[in-house]
């Protein structure tokens, strides 16, 4: 039962698993129980007649070390120590050049740990290797240690002022309902004014005869007045109720607008204070669709191989086409990700280890990761072909998996990562009062600026329209020119009648 084992201490769980497979029952339980297994394992362990050369490819939380002293940690370092205690062998850990797990070139040659295993220069690799089709043909694997997929880690997003906070007091449905109610109010006011005017003309013959304005003028005037009154009431501005014909309708609209305005104003300040967390991407589709964040991937990894051979036009091909390079040094990766130089594609377990390490050291989140992953596959220890050690170690790993010990090791290594998995939720849970800055009001200022600009446009259009109306009015008032007549002022002739000349 996995749950019962997880409730045990790590040494007790390890003892339970190992004692059930011991052939002769001679296991030194004291050596296991009296040691804190989940901490440091020595770089060189000598205990017994047989020493194995073990490749320690760095892949947190499975294998990592603290520079400058070559002091290894991790779930698989703990696991190999337990196995060595049980099978009575010694081992020497070494770091492969450039932390290369193995890459297959076009000419059929391998690099890194895979090449060492093929040449049998290495007895075992505790750096977990992806169980791929290409590697299985050349080396042997134990039962899986973990099934892992690939995610993206990036710099932890900071809290930013929300420029659009002034629209947050209402949900989208409430805003749509508000605009809909305003439109209905405009139609109701318009219908009231037009109906009142129509009944007035219908019942008063004298007024109907004196009416000189066309019907189109009355319709436009009534509609503009209705729009202005509805907006004025909605914004809490004063109105001239003496000009309104339906005070009951106006009173109902004032009450509705008062409720909406009160609720909006009460929630506006809290929405301005609440921070905004900008998540750059949630999955690989978002990653390739943006240009702000460059991203890198692990050198000589299964992911690099898969995106390299992916068909053009596919998502994986786009990931390969737009990547900023490869990197395999965990130290450089952490520095560059925390500094915001690039995002990084890695195994989910590696991302959790990075989140845990950053929080454990600084007390705050330094990295975040996406929740959606791709390319899930098994990770396992690797041996040269036909190694005599594989069946022995594989049997122990199977028992550890059944008892949930490997899962327990992995969970203990990344226990603090849960504090950084959801930046948005963390920002809301840790919300504190903060002083408002200029950026908090940019949205409101933009709204005011838009209103001023719209007012200027309306004013200019009214001026232009008035000038055009005056020109048309002057043209209508000018006398028309008859046949053979003079237009406007009579011109002064150079020749005058003698009667009109002054007498000398």
Protein backbone atom coordinates (compact mmCIF):
# COMPACT_ATOMS: atom_id res chain seq x y z
CA UNK A 1 0.00 0.00 0.00
CA UNK A 2 1.64 3.22 -1.17
CA UNK A 3 -0.18 5.46 1.31
CA UNK A 4 0.99 3.41 4.27
CA UNK A 5 4.57 3.56 3.06
CA UNK A 6 4.46 7.32 2.56
CA UNK A 7 3.39 7.65 6.18
CA UNK A 8 6.60 5.87 7.24
CA UNK A 9 9.93 7.57 7.61
CA UNK A 10 12.20 7.21 4.60
CA UNK A 11 14.60 4.71 6.26
CA UNK A 12 11.73 2.53 7.45
CA UNK A 13 10.16 2.45 4.01
CA UNK A 14 13.49 1.54 2.42
CA UNK A 15 14.04 -1.24 4.95
CA UNK A 16 10.55 -2.64 4.28
CA UNK A 17 11.17 -2.83 0.55
CA UNK A 18 14.67 -4.28 0.78
CA UNK A 19 13.97 -6.89 3.43
CA UNK A 20 11.34 -8.53 1.24
CA UNK A 21 13.85 -9.31 -1.53
CA UNK A 22 16.91 -10.21 0.51
CA UNK A 23 17.89 -13.73 -0.58
CA UNK A 24 19.59 -14.78 2.62
CA UNK A 25 17.92 -12.35 4.99
CA UNK A 26 21.27 -10.89 6.07
CA UNK A 27 20.63 -7.18 5.78
CA UNK A 28 22.25 -4.73 8.15
CA UNK A 29 19.14 -2.78 9.11
CA UNK A 30 21.13 -0.56 11.48
CA UNK A 31 23.20 0.87 8.62
CA UNK A 32 20.02 1.98 6.85
CA UNK A 33 17.84 3.16 9.71
CA UNK A 34 20.51 5.12 11.57
CA UNK A 35 21.33 7.26 8.53
CA UNK A 36 19.39 10.21 7.19
CA UNK A 37 18.99 8.92 3.69
CA UNK A 38 17.42 11.97 2.08
CA UNK A 39 20.48 14.19 2.53
CA UNK A 40 24.05 14.24 1.27
CA UNK A 41 25.59 11.19 -0.37
CA UNK A 42 29.38 11.20 -0.59
CA UNK A 43 30.96 11.69 -3.99
CA UNK A 44 33.16 8.63 -3.48
CA UNK A 45 31.93 5.65 -1.46
CA UNK A 46 34.23 2.71 -0.75
CA UNK A 47 32.63 -0.24 0.90
CA UNK A 48 33.35 -3.66 -0.48
CA UNK A 49 35.42 -5.37 -3.13
CA UNK A 50 33.65 -4.07 -6.21
CA UNK A 51 33.63 -0.41 -7.29
CA UNK A 52 31.43 0.80 -10.12
CA UNK A 53 32.03 3.87 -12.24
CA UNK A 54 28.76 5.77 -12.19
CA UNK A 55 27.88 8.71 -14.44
CA UNK A 56 26.04 11.46 -12.58
CA UNK A 57 24.31 13.52 -15.21
CA UNK A 58 22.93 16.59 -13.47
CA UNK A 59 19.16 16.77 -13.62
CA UNK A 60 17.50 18.16 -10.48
CA UNK A 61 15.86 16.84 -8.39
CA UNK A 62 17.33 13.46 -9.34
CA UNK A 63 20.99 14.46 -9.33
CA UNK A 64 22.55 17.79 -8.36
CA UNK A 65 25.61 19.06 -6.59
CA UNK A 66 26.71 22.14 -4.70
CA UNK A 67 29.77 23.85 -6.24
CA UNK A 68 32.59 24.41 -5.67
CA UNK A 69 32.71 21.21 -3.55
CA UNK A 70 31.61 18.14 -5.54
CA UNK A 71 28.92 17.18 -3.05
CA UNK A 72 26.08 15.29 -4.71
CA UNK A 73 22.42 15.38 -3.68
CA UNK A 74 19.16 14.16 -5.14
CA UNK A 75 16.68 11.34 -5.18
CA UNK A 76 18.78 9.00 -7.33
CA UNK A 77 21.93 9.74 -5.31
CA UNK A 78 19.97 8.61 -2.28
CA UNK A 79 18.68 5.59 -4.20
CA UNK A 80 22.12 4.43 -5.38
CA UNK A 81 23.44 4.74 -1.85
CA UNK A 82 20.71 2.43 -0.55
CA UNK A 83 21.31 -0.05 -3.37
CA UNK A 84 25.07 -0.02 -2.74
CA UNK A 85 24.44 -0.68 0.95
CA UNK A 86 22.22 -3.62 0.09
CA UNK A 87 24.30 -5.19 -2.72
CA UNK A 88 27.61 -4.42 -1.02
CA UNK A 89 29.50 -2.57 -3.74
CA UNK A 90 31.34 0.71 -3.92
CA UNK A 91 30.97 3.32 -6.64
CA UNK A 92 32.60 6.46 -7.94
CA UNK A 93 30.50 9.30 -9.30
CA UNK A 94 31.74 11.49 -12.11
CA UNK A 95 30.32 14.39 -14.09
CA UNK A 96 30.14 13.91 -17.87
CA UNK A 97 31.60 16.60 -20.09
CA UNK A 98 29.11 19.44 -20.65
CA UNK A 99 26.52 17.40 -18.75
CA UNK A 100 25.83 15.56 -22.01
CA UNK A 101 23.38 12.66 -21.69
CA UNK A 102 23.96 11.55 -25.24
CA UNK A 103 23.13 12.75 -28.72
CA UNK A 104 22.96 10.65 -31.89
CA UNK A 105 24.73 12.23 -34.86
CA UNK A 106 23.80 11.63 -38.46
CA UNK A 107 26.81 9.31 -38.91
CA UNK A 108 25.49 6.98 -36.17
CA UNK A 109 27.92 8.01 -33.40
CA UNK A 110 26.82 8.93 -29.90
CA UNK A 111 28.13 11.52 -27.45
CA UNK A 112 28.12 11.93 -23.67
CA UNK A 113 26.93 9.32 -21.20
CA UNK A 114 25.35 7.17 -23.90
CA UNK A 115 28.70 6.87 -25.69
CA UNK A 116 30.42 5.93 -22.40
CA UNK A 117 27.84 3.20 -21.80
CA UNK A 118 28.17 1.85 -25.34
CA UNK A 119 31.97 1.66 -24.96
CA UNK A 120 31.46 0.17 -21.46
CA UNK A 121 33.59 2.90 -19.94
CA UNK A 122 30.76 3.45 -17.48
CA UNK A 123 28.99 0.76 -15.45
CA UNK A 124 25.86 2.73 -14.64
CA UNK A 125 24.22 6.11 -15.16
CA UNK A 126 22.18 7.53 -12.29
CA UNK A 127 21.48 10.66 -14.26
CA UNK A 128 17.97 9.67 -15.36
CA UNK A 129 17.90 9.08 -19.08
CA UNK A 130 14.91 9.17 -21.37
CA UNK A 131 13.89 5.71 -22.56
CA UNK A 132 13.84 6.47 -26.27
CA UNK A 133 13.75 4.17 -29.27
CA UNK A 134 17.22 5.22 -30.39
CA UNK A 135 18.87 4.59 -27.01
CA UNK A 136 17.17 1.26 -26.34
CA UNK A 137 18.96 -0.20 -29.37
CA UNK A 138 22.36 0.54 -27.84
CA UNK A 139 21.97 0.45 -24.03
CA UNK A 140 19.74 -1.20 -21.41
CA UNK A 141 17.37 0.52 -19.00
CA UNK A 142 15.94 -0.38 -15.63
CA UNK A 143 12.28 -0.06 -14.82
CA UNK A 144 11.15 3.52 -14.96
CA UNK A 145 12.01 5.87 -12.13
CA UNK A 146 9.39 8.38 -13.14
CA UNK A 147 7.16 9.34 -16.04
CA UNK A 148 7.79 12.97 -16.86
CA UNK A 149 6.68 15.50 -19.43
CA UNK A 150 8.22 18.75 -20.62
CA UNK A 151 7.16 22.20 -19.42
CA UNK A 152 8.50 25.77 -19.56
CA UNK A 153 10.07 27.62 -16.64
CA UNK A 154 10.43 31.39 -16.66
CA UNK A 155 11.14 34.32 -14.37
CA UNK A 156 8.50 34.69 -11.68
CA UNK A 157 6.09 37.41 -12.80
CA UNK A 158 6.01 40.56 -10.71
CA UNK A 159 2.89 42.37 -9.61
CA UNK A 160 2.01 45.25 -11.91
CA UNK A 161 -0.61 48.00 -11.67
CA UNK A 162 -3.72 47.08 -13.59
CA UNK A 163 -4.36 49.79 -16.17
CA UNK A 164 -7.74 48.30 -17.00
CA UNK A 165 -8.77 48.17 -13.34
CA UNK A 166 -11.50 50.78 -13.84
CA UNK A 167 -13.57 48.25 -15.82
CA UNK A 168 -13.09 45.45 -13.27
CA UNK A 169 -15.84 46.43 -10.76
CA UNK A 170 -18.39 44.92 -13.16
CA UNK A 171 -18.19 41.66 -15.03
CA UNK A 172 -18.62 41.65 -18.78
CA UNK A 173 -22.22 40.50 -18.48
CA UNK A 174 -23.02 43.40 -16.12
CA UNK A 175 -21.42 45.91 -18.50
CA UNK A 176 -23.46 44.51 -21.39
CA UNK A 177 -26.59 44.69 -19.25
CA UNK A 178 -25.77 48.29 -18.26
CA UNK A 179 -25.37 49.41 -21.87
CA UNK A 180 -28.52 47.52 -22.79
CA UNK A 181 -30.52 49.24 -20.04
CA UNK A 182 -29.13 52.61 -21.13
CA UNK A 183 -30.22 51.96 -24.70
CA UNK A 184 -33.69 50.97 -23.50
CA UNK A 185 -33.86 54.16 -21.41
CA UNK A 186 -32.94 56.26 -24.46
CA UNK A 187 -35.66 54.59 -26.52
CA UNK A 188 -38.20 55.08 -23.73
CA UNK A 189 -37.37 58.77 -23.34
CA UNK A 190 -37.38 59.26 -27.10
CA UNK A 191 -40.76 57.55 -27.44
CA UNK A 192 -42.14 59.66 -24.61
CA UNK A 193 -41.00 62.96 -26.13
CA UNK A 194 -42.12 62.09 -29.67
CA UNK A 195 -45.45 60.76 -28.47
CA UNK A 196 -46.12 63.83 -26.37
CA UNK A 197 -45.28 66.11 -29.30
CA UNK A 198 -47.48 64.11 -31.67
CA UNK A 199 -50.48 64.18 -29.31
CA UNK A 200 -49.97 67.89 -28.71
CA UNK A 201 -50.10 68.66 -32.43
CA UNK A 202 -53.00 66.29 -32.95
CA UNK A 203 -55.15 67.87 -30.25
CA UNK A 204 -54.23 71.51 -30.85
CA UNK A 205 -55.11 72.68 -34.34
CA UNK A 206 -53.68 76.16 -33.82
CA UNK A 207 -50.31 74.79 -32.79
CA UNK A 208 -50.37 72.41 -35.76
CA UNK A 209 -50.97 75.28 -38.15
CA UNK A 210 -48.24 77.41 -36.58
CA UNK A 211 -45.70 74.58 -36.74
CA UNK A 212 -43.04 75.50 -39.28
CA UNK A 213 -40.29 72.95 -38.48
CA UNK A 214 -40.27 69.69 -40.44
CA UNK A 215 -40.91 66.37 -38.68
CA UNK A 216 -37.31 65.31 -39.25
CA UNK A 217 -36.13 68.20 -37.10
CA UNK A 218 -38.35 67.16 -34.20
CA UNK A 219 -37.22 63.54 -34.39
CA UNK A 220 -33.51 64.44 -34.32
CA UNK A 221 -34.00 66.95 -31.53
CA UNK A 222 -35.96 64.47 -29.43
CA UNK A 223 -33.41 61.70 -29.97
CA UNK A 224 -30.40 63.91 -29.07
CA UNK A 225 -32.16 65.20 -25.95
CA UNK A 226 -33.01 61.64 -24.88
CA UNK A 227 -29.42 60.44 -25.34
CA UNK A 228 -27.98 63.37 -23.39
CA UNK A 229 -30.47 63.01 -20.54
CA UNK A 230 -29.88 59.24 -20.24
CA UNK A 231 -26.09 59.67 -20.14
CA UNK A 232 -26.27 62.61 -17.72
CA UNK A 233 -28.39 60.62 -15.29
CA UNK A 234 -26.15 57.54 -15.64
CA UNK A 235 -23.05 59.62 -14.83
CA UNK A 236 -24.74 61.42 -11.94
CA UNK A 237 -24.93 64.81 -13.67
CA UNK A 238 -27.72 67.34 -13.20
CA UNK A 239 -30.55 67.67 -15.73
CA UNK A 240 -33.16 70.30 -16.55
CA UNK A 241 -36.30 68.42 -15.57
CA UNK A 242 -38.54 71.30 -16.64
CA UNK A 243 -37.99 70.32 -20.25
CA UNK A 244 -38.83 66.68 -19.66
CA UNK A 245 -42.36 65.46 -20.21
CA UNK A 246 -42.20 62.12 -18.33
CA UNK A 247 -40.92 62.72 -14.82
CA UNK A 248 -41.93 59.21 -13.74
CA UNK A 249 -39.70 57.68 -16.37
CA UNK A 250 -36.85 60.02 -15.44
CA UNK A 251 -37.25 59.16 -11.76
CA UNK A 252 -37.04 55.43 -12.47
CA UNK A 253 -33.89 55.92 -14.54
CA UNK A 254 -32.34 58.10 -11.79
CA UNK A 255 -32.93 55.34 -9.21
CA UNK A 256 -31.42 52.68 -11.49
CA UNK A 257 -28.38 54.83 -12.24
CA UNK A 258 -27.90 55.62 -8.55
CA UNK A 259 -27.71 51.91 -7.68
CA UNK A 260 -25.27 51.18 -10.51
CA UNK A 261 -23.07 54.17 -9.65
CA UNK A 262 -22.96 53.37 -5.94
CA UNK A 263 -21.90 49.76 -6.52
CA UNK A 264 -19.32 50.79 -9.12
CA UNK A 265 -17.71 53.48 -6.94
CA UNK A 266 -17.53 51.21 -3.91
CA UNK A 267 -15.63 48.53 -5.86
CA UNK A 268 -13.47 50.81 -7.99
CA UNK A 269 -10.77 51.55 -5.39
CA UNK A 270 -10.34 47.91 -4.42
CA UNK A 271 -9.93 47.00 -8.08
CA UNK A 272 -7.29 49.69 -8.56
CA UNK A 273 -5.33 48.47 -5.53
CA UNK A 274 -5.48 44.78 -6.48
CA UNK A 275 -2.32 43.80 -8.41
CA UNK A 276 -2.14 42.36 -11.88
CA UNK A 277 0.07 39.35 -12.59
CA UNK A 278 1.05 39.03 -16.23
CA UNK A 279 1.51 35.38 -17.23
CA UNK A 280 3.51 35.39 -20.51
CA UNK A 281 2.36 31.94 -21.69
CA UNK A 282 0.44 28.93 -20.39
CA UNK A 283 1.46 26.29 -22.92
CA UNK A 284 3.69 25.69 -25.92
CA UNK A 285 1.16 27.19 -28.33
CA UNK A 286 1.40 30.48 -26.44
CA UNK A 287 5.19 30.16 -26.35
CA UNK A 288 5.64 30.05 -30.12
CA UNK A 289 2.98 32.74 -30.65
CA UNK A 290 4.85 35.40 -28.66
CA UNK A 291 8.08 37.26 -29.41
CA UNK A 292 8.87 38.85 -26.05
CA UNK A 293 10.50 35.86 -24.33
CA UNK A 294 13.35 33.91 -25.96
CA UNK A 295 13.65 30.32 -24.80
CA UNK A 296 16.29 27.61 -24.69
CA UNK A 297 16.27 23.83 -24.23
CA UNK A 298 18.56 21.15 -22.84
CA UNK A 299 21.53 20.05 -24.90
CA UNK A 300 21.52 16.46 -26.20
CA UNK A 301 18.08 15.81 -24.78
CA UNK A 302 15.14 13.81 -26.01
CA UNK A 303 13.20 17.03 -26.49
CA UNK A 304 15.91 18.54 -28.67
CA UNK A 305 15.95 15.40 -30.80
CA UNK A 306 12.18 15.31 -31.24
CA UNK A 307 11.76 18.96 -32.21
CA UNK A 308 14.71 18.70 -34.59
CA UNK A 309 13.13 15.88 -36.62
CA UNK A 310 9.55 17.14 -36.38
CA UNK A 311 7.72 17.82 -39.67
CA UNK A 312 7.53 21.42 -40.93
CA UNK A 313 4.44 23.30 -39.88
CA UNK A 314 3.91 21.31 -36.69
CA UNK A 315 4.01 22.79 -33.22
CA UNK A 316 7.26 20.99 -32.41
CA UNK A 317 8.89 22.34 -35.57
CA UNK A 318 7.88 25.89 -34.58
CA UNK A 319 9.44 25.33 -31.15
CA UNK A 320 12.68 24.20 -32.79
CA UNK A 321 12.63 26.99 -35.38
CA UNK A 322 12.31 29.81 -32.85
CA UNK A 323 14.50 28.55 -30.00
CA UNK A 324 17.37 30.72 -28.78
CA UNK A 325 19.84 27.86 -28.24
CA UNK A 326 20.67 24.97 -25.94
CA UNK A 327 22.11 24.85 -22.44
CA UNK A 328 22.90 21.98 -20.07
CA UNK A 329 24.54 23.61 -17.04
CA UNK A 330 21.94 23.78 -14.23
CA UNK A 331 23.76 26.70 -12.64
CA UNK A 332 23.70 28.79 -15.82
CA UNK A 333 20.11 27.83 -16.49
CA UNK A 334 18.94 29.02 -13.07
CA UNK A 335 20.88 32.29 -13.32
CA UNK A 336 19.56 33.09 -16.78
CA UNK A 337 15.96 32.15 -16.01
CA UNK A 338 15.86 34.10 -12.74
CA UNK A 339 17.45 37.10 -14.49
CA UNK A 340 14.86 36.96 -17.24
CA UNK A 341 17.39 36.29 -20.01
CA UNK A 342 15.27 33.46 -21.40
CA UNK A 343 12.67 30.85 -20.55
CA UNK A 344 13.76 27.22 -20.47
CA UNK A 345 12.17 23.96 -21.60
CA UNK A 346 12.84 21.05 -19.25
CA UNK A 347 11.24 18.10 -17.51
CA UNK A 348 8.45 18.92 -15.08
CA UNK A 349 10.41 17.41 -12.20
CA UNK A 350 13.36 19.65 -13.06
CA UNK A 351 11.11 22.70 -13.08
CA UNK A 352 9.68 21.75 -9.68
CA UNK A 353 13.21 21.38 -8.34
CA UNK A 354 14.09 24.87 -9.57
CA UNK A 355 11.02 26.36 -7.92
CA UNK A 356 11.78 24.52 -4.68
CA UNK A 357 15.43 25.57 -4.64
CA UNK A 358 14.69 29.22 -5.24
CA UNK A 359 12.04 29.39 -2.53
CA UNK A 360 14.16 27.45 -0.02
CA UNK A 361 17.13 29.80 -0.45
CA UNK A 362 15.43 33.19 -0.68
CA UNK A 363 12.08 32.68 1.00
CA UNK A 364 10.29 33.94 -2.10
CA UNK A 365 9.45 32.64 -5.54
CA UNK A 366 12.08 33.28 -8.21
CA UNK A 367 10.72 31.09 -11.02
CA UNK A 368 7.36 29.95 -12.33
CA UNK A 369 6.36 27.17 -14.69
CA UNK A 370 3.56 26.29 -17.07
CA UNK A 371 1.05 23.65 -16.06
CA UNK A 372 0.45 22.13 -19.48
CA UNK A 373 3.23 19.89 -20.79
CA UNK A 374 4.06 17.79 -23.84
CA UNK A 375 6.21 14.75 -24.76
CA UNK A 376 5.69 12.58 -21.70
CA UNK A 377 8.05 9.62 -21.38
CA UNK A 378 9.75 7.38 -18.85
CA UNK A 379 13.05 8.10 -17.10
CA UNK A 380 15.28 5.30 -15.88
CA UNK A 381 18.82 4.28 -14.94
CA UNK A 382 20.95 3.08 -17.86
CA UNK A 383 23.48 0.23 -18.21
CA UNK A 384 25.72 -1.11 -20.95
CA UNK A 385 24.19 -3.93 -22.94
CA UNK A 386 24.08 -7.28 -21.07
CA UNK A 387 25.34 -5.80 -17.80
CA UNK A 388 25.25 -8.27 -14.90
CA UNK A 389 24.27 -5.49 -12.53
CA UNK A 390 21.07 -4.59 -14.33
CA UNK A 391 18.85 -7.49 -13.06
CA UNK A 392 19.93 -6.95 -9.45
CA UNK A 393 19.40 -3.20 -9.41
CA UNK A 394 16.28 -3.42 -11.56
CA UNK A 395 14.63 -5.75 -9.06
CA UNK A 396 15.23 -3.29 -6.23
CA UNK A 397 13.88 -0.38 -8.26
CA UNK A 398 10.72 -2.37 -9.02
CA UNK A 399 10.11 -2.89 -5.32
CA UNK A 400 10.79 0.75 -4.57
CA UNK A 401 8.23 1.75 -7.19
CA UNK A 402 5.62 -0.61 -5.78
CA UNK A 403 6.11 0.75 -2.29
CA UNK A 404 6.01 4.36 -3.52
CA UNK A 405 9.48 5.12 -2.18
CA UNK A 406 10.77 6.74 -5.36
CA UNK A 407 7.70 8.95 -5.40
CA UNK A 408 8.32 9.78 -1.75
CA UNK A 409 11.93 10.73 -2.48
CA UNK A 410 10.86 12.99 -5.35
CA UNK A 411 8.13 14.64 -3.32
CA UNK A 412 10.48 15.42 -0.45
CA UNK A 413 13.00 17.01 -2.80
CA UNK A 414 10.48 19.53 -4.18
CA UNK A 415 8.26 20.13 -1.16
CA UNK A 416 8.53 23.94 -1.33
CA UNK A 417 7.70 24.13 -5.03
CA UNK A 418 3.97 24.25 -4.29
CA UNK A 419 4.41 27.81 -3.02
CA UNK A 420 5.25 29.02 -6.53
CA UNK A 421 3.01 26.97 -8.80
CA UNK A 422 0.26 29.58 -9.16
CA UNK A 423 1.50 33.20 -9.29
CA UNK A 424 -2.01 34.62 -9.68
CA UNK A 425 -3.35 32.81 -6.63
CA UNK A 426 -0.27 33.76 -4.60
CA UNK A 427 -0.75 37.42 -5.48
CA UNK A 428 -4.36 37.30 -4.31
CA UNK A 429 -3.57 35.39 -1.12
CA UNK A 430 -0.72 37.74 -0.20
CA UNK A 431 -2.60 40.90 -1.11
CA UNK A 432 -1.68 43.85 1.11
CA UNK A 433 -2.57 47.52 0.95
CA UNK A 434 -0.16 49.49 -1.19
CA UNK A 435 0.05 53.14 -2.24
CA UNK A 436 -1.37 53.92 -5.63
CA UNK A 437 1.04 54.95 -8.37
CA UNK A 438 0.52 56.86 -11.60
CA UNK A 439 0.15 53.64 -13.57
CA UNK A 440 -2.95 52.77 -11.55
CA UNK A 441 -4.76 55.78 -13.00
CA UNK A 442 -3.60 55.49 -16.60
CA UNK A 443 -6.78 53.70 -17.59
CA UNK A 444 -9.00 56.36 -16.00
CA UNK A 445 -6.87 59.13 -17.50
CA UNK A 446 -7.15 57.47 -20.90
CA UNK A 447 -10.93 57.38 -20.50
CA UNK A 448 -11.00 61.09 -19.63
CA UNK A 449 -8.68 61.90 -22.52
CA UNK A 450 -10.93 59.96 -24.86
CA UNK A 451 -13.95 61.91 -23.62
CA UNK A 452 -12.16 65.23 -24.09
CA UNK A 453 -11.06 64.23 -27.59
CA UNK A 454 -14.60 63.20 -28.46
CA UNK A 455 -15.91 66.51 -27.13
CA UNK A 456 -13.41 68.43 -29.26
CA UNK A 457 -14.45 66.46 -32.33
CA UNK A 458 -18.13 67.20 -31.65
CA UNK A 459 -17.39 70.88 -31.04
CA UNK A 460 -15.41 71.20 -34.29
CA UNK A 461 -18.15 69.43 -36.22
CA UNK A 462 -20.76 71.80 -34.76
CA UNK A 463 -18.67 74.84 -35.72
CA UNK A 464 -18.23 73.55 -39.27
CA UNK A 465 -21.93 72.73 -39.53
CA UNK A 466 -22.93 76.19 -38.23
CA UNK A 467 -20.65 77.92 -40.73
CA UNK A 468 -22.12 75.88 -43.55
CA UNK A 469 -25.66 76.71 -42.40
CA UNK A 470 -24.88 80.44 -42.33
CA UNK A 471 -23.49 80.31 -45.87
CA UNK A 472 -26.57 78.52 -47.13
CA UNK A 473 -28.81 81.05 -45.35
CA UNK A 474 -27.00 84.03 -46.93
CA UNK A 475 -27.31 82.49 -50.35
CA UNK A 476 -31.03 82.03 -49.90
CA UNK A 477 -31.46 85.68 -48.80
CA UNK A 478 -29.54 87.16 -51.79
CA UNK A 479 -31.83 88.52 -54.63
CA UNK A 480 -31.91 86.47 -57.76
CA UNK A 481 -30.65 87.88 -61.10
CA UNK A 482 -33.32 88.37 -63.75
CA UNK A 483 -32.88 88.31 -67.48
CA UNK A 484 -30.81 91.33 -68.45
CA UNK A 485 -30.93 92.67 -64.90
CA UNK A 486 -28.12 93.52 -62.56
CA UNK A 487 -27.18 91.23 -59.61
CA UNK A 488 -26.42 92.87 -56.33
CA UNK A 489 -25.10 96.45 -56.26
CA UNK A 490 -25.32 98.41 -59.50
CA UNK A 491 -21.83 99.13 -60.87
CA UNK A 492 -20.73 102.74 -61.22
CA UNK A 493 -20.34 103.74 -64.86
CA UNK A 494 -17.64 106.02 -66.07
CA UNK A 495 -20.22 107.94 -68.10
CA UNK A 496 -23.02 109.77 -66.26
CA UNK A 497 -26.08 111.64 -67.37
CA UNK A 498 -25.68 115.38 -67.66
CA UNK A 499 -28.49 115.90 -65.19
CA UNK A 500 -26.56 114.04 -62.59
CA UNK A 501 -23.41 116.12 -63.01
CA UNK A 502 -22.83 118.95 -60.55
CA UNK A 503 -23.45 122.48 -61.84
CA UNK A 504 -20.46 124.76 -62.23
